[in-house]
Amino acid sequence: MDYLKKRIRFILILIFSVVIFGVVQWQMSTNGNLSGTKILWISELLKSACIGFGLYAIVMFFRVK
């Protein structure tokens, strides 16, 4: 139980990163009105941030002692 208690924060970060990444991808593929340069730039920024936080969560999950 102590093992999961120390790592639950990183599990939640990973889950929320995947959810946000999925929502952004879904919105970009289904909504035809989202085609401006600024929107595409912001969506790429959000996806990059989600990937970064996901990698951080994975690394820290195995690094916590």
PDB file of N, CA and C in Angstrom:
ATOM      1  N   MET A   1       0.831  -1.194   0.000  1.00  0.00           N
ATOM      2  CA  MET A   1       0.000   0.000   0.000  1.00  0.00           C
ATOM      3  C   MET A   1       0.875   1.258   0.000  1.00  0.00           C
ATOM      4  N   ASP A   2       1.973   1.189   0.725  1.00  0.00           N
ATOM      5  CA  ASP A   2       2.864   2.345   0.781  1.00  0.00           C
ATOM      6  C   ASP A   2       3.480   2.624  -0.586  1.00  0.00           C
ATOM      7  N   TYR A   3       3.700   1.555  -1.347  1.00  0.00           N
ATOM      8  CA  TYR A   3       4.259   1.677  -2.705  1.00  0.00           C
ATOM      9  C   TYR A   3       3.352   2.542  -3.585  1.00  0.00           C
ATOM     10  N   LEU A   4       2.045   2.250  -3.572  1.00  0.00           N
ATOM     11  CA  LEU A   4       1.104   3.017  -4.380  1.00  0.00           C
ATOM     12  C   LEU A   4       0.852   4.406  -3.814  1.00  0.00           C
ATOM     13  N   LYS A   5       0.891   4.527  -2.506  1.00  0.00           N
ATOM     14  CA  LYS A   5       0.642   5.828  -1.885  1.00  0.00           C
ATOM     15  C   LYS A   5       1.687   6.851  -2.312  1.00  0.00           C
ATOM     16  N   LYS A   6       2.919   6.423  -2.454  1.00  0.00           N
ATOM     17  CA  LYS A   6       3.986   7.328  -2.878  1.00  0.00           C
ATOM     18  C   LYS A   6       3.872   7.673  -4.366  1.00  0.00           C
ATOM     19  N   ARG A   7       3.267   6.807  -5.150  1.00  0.00           N
ATOM     20  CA  ARG A   7       3.255   6.972  -6.600  1.00  0.00           C
ATOM     21  C   ARG A   7       1.924   7.447  -7.167  1.00  0.00           C
ATOM     22  N   ILE A   8       0.914   7.603  -6.351  1.00  0.00           N
ATOM     23  CA  ILE A   8      -0.417   7.968  -6.836  1.00  0.00           C
ATOM     24  C   ILE A   8      -0.421   9.322  -7.541  1.00  0.00           C
ATOM     25  N   ARG A   9       0.395  10.264  -7.082  1.00  0.00           N
ATOM     26  CA  ARG A   9       0.462  11.587  -7.709  1.00  0.00           C
ATOM     27  C   ARG A   9       0.918  11.461  -9.160  1.00  0.00           C
ATOM     28  N   PHE A  10       1.901  10.630  -9.411  1.00  0.00           N
ATOM     29  CA  PHE A  10       2.423  10.473 -10.761  1.00  0.00           C
ATOM     30  C   PHE A  10       1.463   9.688 -11.648  1.00  0.00           C
ATOM     31  N   ILE A  11       0.727   8.761 -11.056  1.00  0.00           N
ATOM     32  CA  ILE A  11      -0.288   8.039 -11.806  1.00  0.00           C
ATOM     33  C   ILE A  11      -1.383   9.008 -12.248  1.00  0.00           C
ATOM     34  N   LEU A  12      -1.806   9.905 -11.353  1.00  0.00           N
ATOM     35  CA  LEU A  12      -2.833  10.888 -11.700  1.00  0.00           C
ATOM     36  C   LEU A  12      -2.345  11.866 -12.767  1.00  0.00           C
ATOM     37  N   ILE A  13      -1.097  12.311 -12.676  1.00  0.00           N
ATOM     38  CA  ILE A  13      -0.536  13.199 -13.700  1.00  0.00           C
ATOM     39  C   ILE A  13      -0.564  12.500 -15.049  1.00  0.00           C
ATOM     40  N   LEU A  14      -0.183  11.250 -15.088  1.00  0.00           N
ATOM     41  CA  LEU A  14      -0.171  10.502 -16.337  1.00  0.00           C
ATOM     42  C   LEU A  14      -1.582  10.340 -16.898  1.00  0.00           C
ATOM     43  N   ILE A  15      -2.540  10.017 -16.061  1.00  0.00           N
ATOM     44  CA  ILE A  15      -3.923   9.839 -16.508  1.00  0.00           C
ATOM     45  C   ILE A  15      -4.480  11.136 -17.073  1.00  0.00           C
ATOM     46  N   PHE A  16      -4.299  12.253 -16.355  1.00  0.00           N
ATOM     47  CA  PHE A  16      -4.821  13.525 -16.836  1.00  0.00           C
ATOM     48  C   PHE A  16      -4.108  13.983 -18.101  1.00  0.00           C
ATOM     49  N   SER A  17      -2.838  13.693 -18.245  1.00  0.00           N
ATOM     50  CA  SER A  17      -2.119  14.044 -19.469  1.00  0.00           C
ATOM     51  C   SER A  17      -2.683  13.289 -20.664  1.00  0.00           C
ATOM     52  N   VAL A  18      -2.943  12.023 -20.478  1.00  0.00           N
ATOM     53  CA  VAL A  18      -3.507  11.218 -21.568  1.00  0.00           C
ATOM     54  C   VAL A  18      -4.914  11.696 -21.920  1.00  0.00           C
ATOM     55  N   VAL A  19      -5.704  12.034 -20.919  1.00  0.00           N
ATOM     56  CA  VAL A  19      -7.067  12.512 -21.166  1.00  0.00           C
ATOM     57  C   VAL A  19      -7.041  13.838 -21.930  1.00  0.00           C
ATOM     58  N   ILE A  20      -6.226  14.782 -21.495  1.00  0.00           N
ATOM     59  CA  ILE A  20      -6.150  16.076 -22.176  1.00  0.00           C
ATOM     60  C   ILE A  20      -5.642  15.897 -23.600  1.00  0.00           C
ATOM     61  N   PHE A  21      -4.631  15.056 -23.794  1.00  0.00           N
ATOM     62  CA  PHE A  21      -4.114  14.786 -25.131  1.00  0.00           C
ATOM     63  C   PHE A  21      -5.215  14.199 -26.020  1.00  0.00           C
ATOM     64  N   GLY A  22      -5.975  13.273 -25.483  1.00  0.00           N
ATOM     65  CA  GLY A  22      -7.063  12.665 -26.247  1.00  0.00           C
ATOM     66  C   GLY A  22      -8.163  13.644 -26.606  1.00  0.00           C
ATOM     67  N   VAL A  23      -8.523  14.515 -25.681  1.00  0.00           N
ATOM     68  CA  VAL A  23      -9.571  15.513 -25.939  1.00  0.00           C
ATOM     69  C   VAL A  23      -9.118  16.491 -27.020  1.00  0.00           C
ATOM     70  N   VAL A  24      -7.875  16.945 -26.952  1.00  0.00           N
ATOM     71  CA  VAL A  24      -7.361  17.857 -27.968  1.00  0.00           C
ATOM     72  C   VAL A  24      -7.359  17.180 -29.333  1.00  0.00           C
ATOM     73  N   GLN A  25      -6.890  15.943 -29.394  1.00  0.00           N
ATOM     74  CA  GLN A  25      -6.874  15.213 -30.662  1.00  0.00           C
ATOM     75  C   GLN A  25      -8.286  15.023 -31.209  1.00  0.00           C
ATOM     76  N   TRP A  26      -9.217  14.676 -30.336  1.00  0.00           N
ATOM     77  CA  TRP A  26     -10.592  14.443 -30.758  1.00  0.00           C
ATOM     78  C   TRP A  26     -11.227  15.725 -31.265  1.00  0.00           C
ATOM     79  N   GLN A  27     -11.034  16.835 -30.557  1.00  0.00           N
ATOM     80  CA  GLN A  27     -11.603  18.110 -30.989  1.00  0.00           C
ATOM     81  C   GLN A  27     -11.028  18.559 -32.330  1.00  0.00           C
ATOM     82  N   MET A  28      -9.736  18.364 -32.513  1.00  0.00           N
ATOM     83  CA  MET A  28      -9.116  18.783 -33.766  1.00  0.00           C
ATOM     84  C   MET A  28      -9.594  17.934 -34.950  1.00  0.00           C
ATOM     85  N   SER A  29      -9.941  16.693 -34.706  1.00  0.00           N
ATOM     86  CA  SER A  29     -10.356  15.827 -35.813  1.00  0.00           C
ATOM     87  C   SER A  29     -11.845  15.926 -36.110  1.00  0.00           C
ATOM     88  N   THR A  30     -12.669  16.286 -35.131  1.00  0.00           N
ATOM     89  CA  THR A  30     -14.116  16.290 -35.355  1.00  0.00           C
ATOM     90  C   THR A  30     -14.687  17.671 -35.631  1.00  0.00           C
ATOM     91  N   ASN A  31     -14.057  18.733 -35.149  1.00  0.00           N
ATOM     92  CA  ASN A  31     -14.609  20.077 -35.303  1.00  0.00           C
ATOM     93  C   ASN A  31     -13.937  20.762 -36.487  1.00  0.00           C
ATOM     94  N   GLY A  32     -14.695  20.990 -37.542  1.00  0.00           N
ATOM     95  CA  GLY A  32     -14.164  21.613 -38.741  1.00  0.00           C
ATOM     96  C   GLY A  32     -13.872  23.094 -38.594  1.00  0.00           C
ATOM     97  N   ASN A  33     -14.432  23.726 -37.577  1.00  0.00           N
ATOM     98  CA  ASN A  33     -14.222  25.166 -37.376  1.00  0.00           C
ATOM     99  C   ASN A  33     -12.857  25.479 -36.775  1.00  0.00           C
ATOM    100  N   LEU A  34     -12.161  24.485 -36.266  1.00  0.00           N
ATOM    101  CA  LEU A  34     -10.857  24.695 -35.638  1.00  0.00           C
ATOM    102  C   LEU A  34      -9.746  24.499 -36.665  1.00  0.00           C
ATOM    103  N   SER A  35      -9.568  25.489 -37.507  1.00  0.00           N
ATOM    104  CA  SER A  35      -8.569  25.310 -38.552  1.00  0.00           C
ATOM    105  C   SER A  35      -7.641  26.516 -38.686  1.00  0.00           C
ATOM    106  N   GLY A  36      -7.724  27.475 -37.797  1.00  0.00           N
ATOM    107  CA  GLY A  36      -6.857  28.638 -37.884  1.00  0.00           C
ATOM    108  C   GLY A  36      -5.439  28.334 -37.430  1.00  0.00           C
ATOM    109  N   THR A  37      -4.525  29.180 -37.851  1.00  0.00           N
ATOM    110  CA  THR A  37      -3.119  28.984 -37.502  1.00  0.00           C
ATOM    111  C   THR A  37      -2.898  29.071 -35.997  1.00  0.00           C
ATOM    112  N   LYS A  38      -3.552  30.040 -35.358  1.00  0.00           N
ATOM    113  CA  LYS A  38      -3.383  30.213 -33.907  1.00  0.00           C
ATOM    114  C   LYS A  38      -3.912  28.991 -33.149  1.00  0.00           C
ATOM    115  N   ILE A  39      -5.059  28.467 -33.574  1.00  0.00           N
ATOM    116  CA  ILE A  39      -5.645  27.301 -32.909  1.00  0.00           C
ATOM    117  C   ILE A  39      -4.752  26.088 -33.093  1.00  0.00           C
ATOM    118  N   LEU A  40      -4.220  25.910 -34.299  1.00  0.00           N
ATOM    119  CA  LEU A  40      -3.331  24.780 -34.532  1.00  0.00           C
ATOM    120  C   LEU A  40      -2.062  24.891 -33.695  1.00  0.00           C
ATOM    121  N   TRP A  41      -1.552  26.097 -33.556  1.00  0.00           N
ATOM    122  CA  TRP A  41      -0.357  26.315 -32.752  1.00  0.00           C
ATOM    123  C   TRP A  41      -0.630  26.007 -31.282  1.00  0.00           C
ATOM    124  N   ILE A  42      -1.770  26.466 -30.778  1.00  0.00           N
ATOM    125  CA  ILE A  42      -2.129  26.224 -29.375  1.00  0.00           C
ATOM    126  C   ILE A  42      -2.357  24.730 -29.131  1.00  0.00           C
ATOM    127  N   SER A  43      -2.988  24.056 -30.087  1.00  0.00           N
ATOM    128  CA  SER A  43      -3.213  22.615 -29.910  1.00  0.00           C
ATOM    129  C   SER A  43      -1.898  21.856 -29.905  1.00  0.00           C
ATOM    130  N   GLU A  44      -0.955  22.247 -30.752  1.00  0.00           N
ATOM    131  CA  GLU A  44       0.361  21.595 -30.736  1.00  0.00           C
ATOM    132  C   GLU A  44       1.082  21.857 -29.417  1.00  0.00           C
ATOM    133  N   LEU A  45       0.938  23.061 -28.886  1.00  0.00           N
ATOM    134  CA  LEU A  45       1.540  23.395 -27.593  1.00  0.00           C
ATOM    135  C   LEU A  45       0.934  22.551 -26.473  1.00  0.00           C
ATOM    136  N   LEU A  46      -0.388  22.398 -26.487  1.00  0.00           N
ATOM    137  CA  LEU A  46      -1.061  21.565 -25.475  1.00  0.00           C
ATOM    138  C   LEU A  46      -0.625  20.104 -25.579  1.00  0.00           C
ATOM    139  N   LYS A  47      -0.544  19.592 -26.800  1.00  0.00           N
ATOM    140  CA  LYS A  47      -0.118  18.204 -26.974  1.00  0.00           C
ATOM    141  C   LYS A  47       1.326  18.009 -26.527  1.00  0.00           C
ATOM    142  N   SER A  48       2.176  18.972 -26.817  1.00  0.00           N
ATOM    143  CA  SER A  48       3.573  18.870 -26.377  1.00  0.00           C
ATOM    144  C   SER A  48       3.681  18.896 -24.857  1.00  0.00           C
ATOM    145  N   ALA A  49       2.884  19.761 -24.222  1.00  0.00           N
ATOM    146  CA  ALA A  49       2.888  19.827 -22.761  1.00  0.00           C
ATOM    147  C   ALA A  49       2.391  18.514 -22.159  1.00  0.00           C
ATOM    148  N   CYS A  50       1.369  17.924 -22.739  1.00  0.00           N
ATOM    149  CA  CYS A  50       0.850  16.648 -22.244  1.00  0.00           C
ATOM    150  C   CYS A  50       1.883  15.540 -22.371  1.00  0.00           C
ATOM    151  N   ILE A  51       2.592  15.524 -23.487  1.00  0.00           N
ATOM    152  CA  ILE A  51       3.636  14.517 -23.666  1.00  0.00           C
ATOM    153  C   ILE A  51       4.748  14.722 -22.646  1.00  0.00           C
ATOM    154  N   GLY A  52       5.124  15.982 -22.408  1.00  0.00           N
ATOM    155  CA  GLY A  52       6.167  16.277 -21.424  1.00  0.00           C
ATOM    156  C   GLY A  52       5.770  15.869 -20.020  1.00  0.00           C
ATOM    157  N   PHE A  53       4.529  16.208 -19.631  1.00  0.00           N
ATOM    158  CA  PHE A  53       4.071  15.824 -18.297  1.00  0.00           C
ATOM    159  C   PHE A  53       3.938  14.315 -18.178  1.00  0.00           C
ATOM    160  N   GLY A  54       3.529  13.644 -19.253  1.00  0.00           N
ATOM    161  CA  GLY A  54       3.427  12.187 -19.232  1.00  0.00           C
ATOM    162  C   GLY A  54       4.780  11.525 -19.048  1.00  0.00           C
ATOM    163  N   LEU A  55       5.781  12.015 -19.767  1.00  0.00           N
ATOM    164  CA  LEU A  55       7.132  11.473 -19.602  1.00  0.00           C
ATOM    165  C   LEU A  55       7.674  11.750 -18.202  1.00  0.00           C
ATOM    166  N   TYR A  56       7.399  12.944 -17.680  1.00  0.00           N
ATOM    167  CA  TYR A  56       7.813  13.281 -16.313  1.00  0.00           C
ATOM    168  C   TYR A  56       7.184  12.312 -15.311  1.00  0.00           C
ATOM    169  N   ALA A  57       5.892  12.034 -15.490  1.00  0.00           N
ATOM    170  CA  ALA A  57       5.195  11.135 -14.564  1.00  0.00           C
ATOM    171  C   ALA A  57       5.772   9.725 -14.628  1.00  0.00           C
ATOM    172  N   ILE A  58       6.074   9.260 -15.831  1.00  0.00           N
ATOM    173  CA  ILE A  58       6.634   7.912 -15.966  1.00  0.00           C
ATOM    174  C   ILE A  58       8.010   7.821 -15.313  1.00  0.00           C
ATOM    175  N   VAL A  59       8.848   8.810 -15.563  1.00  0.00           N
ATOM    176  CA  VAL A  59      10.196   8.801 -14.983  1.00  0.00           C
ATOM    177  C   VAL A  59      10.131   8.884 -13.463  1.00  0.00           C
ATOM    178  N   MET A  60       9.323   9.793 -12.946  1.00  0.00           N
ATOM    179  CA  MET A  60       9.241   9.966 -11.494  1.00  0.00           C
ATOM    180  C   MET A  60       8.559   8.778 -10.808  1.00  0.00           C
ATOM    181  N   PHE A  61       7.664   8.101 -11.521  1.00  0.00           N
ATOM    182  CA  PHE A  61       7.003   6.914 -10.952  1.00  0.00           C
ATOM    183  C   PHE A  61       8.037   5.864 -10.564  1.00  0.00           C
ATOM    184  N   PHE A  62       9.015   5.658 -11.423  1.00  0.00           N
ATOM    185  CA  PHE A  62      10.030   4.643 -11.142  1.00  0.00           C
ATOM    186  C   PHE A  62      11.180   5.176 -10.297  1.00  0.00           C
ATOM    187  N   ARG A  63      11.252   6.462 -10.144  1.00  0.00           N
ATOM    188  CA  ARG A  63      12.375   7.050  -9.404  1.00  0.00           C
ATOM    189  C   ARG A  63      12.081   7.241  -7.919  1.00  0.00           C
ATOM    190  N   VAL A  64      10.814   7.308  -7.546  1.00  0.00           N
ATOM    191  CA  VAL A  64      10.441   7.522  -6.141  1.00  0.00           C
ATOM    192  C   VAL A  64      10.855   6.318  -5.310  1.00  0.00           C
ATOM    193  N   LYS A  65      11.422   6.600  -4.155  1.00  0.00           N
ATOM    194  CA  LYS A  65      11.858   5.500  -3.267  1.00  0.00           C
ATOM    195  C   LYS A  65      11.031   5.443  -2.019  1.00  0.00           C
TER     196      LYS A  65
END
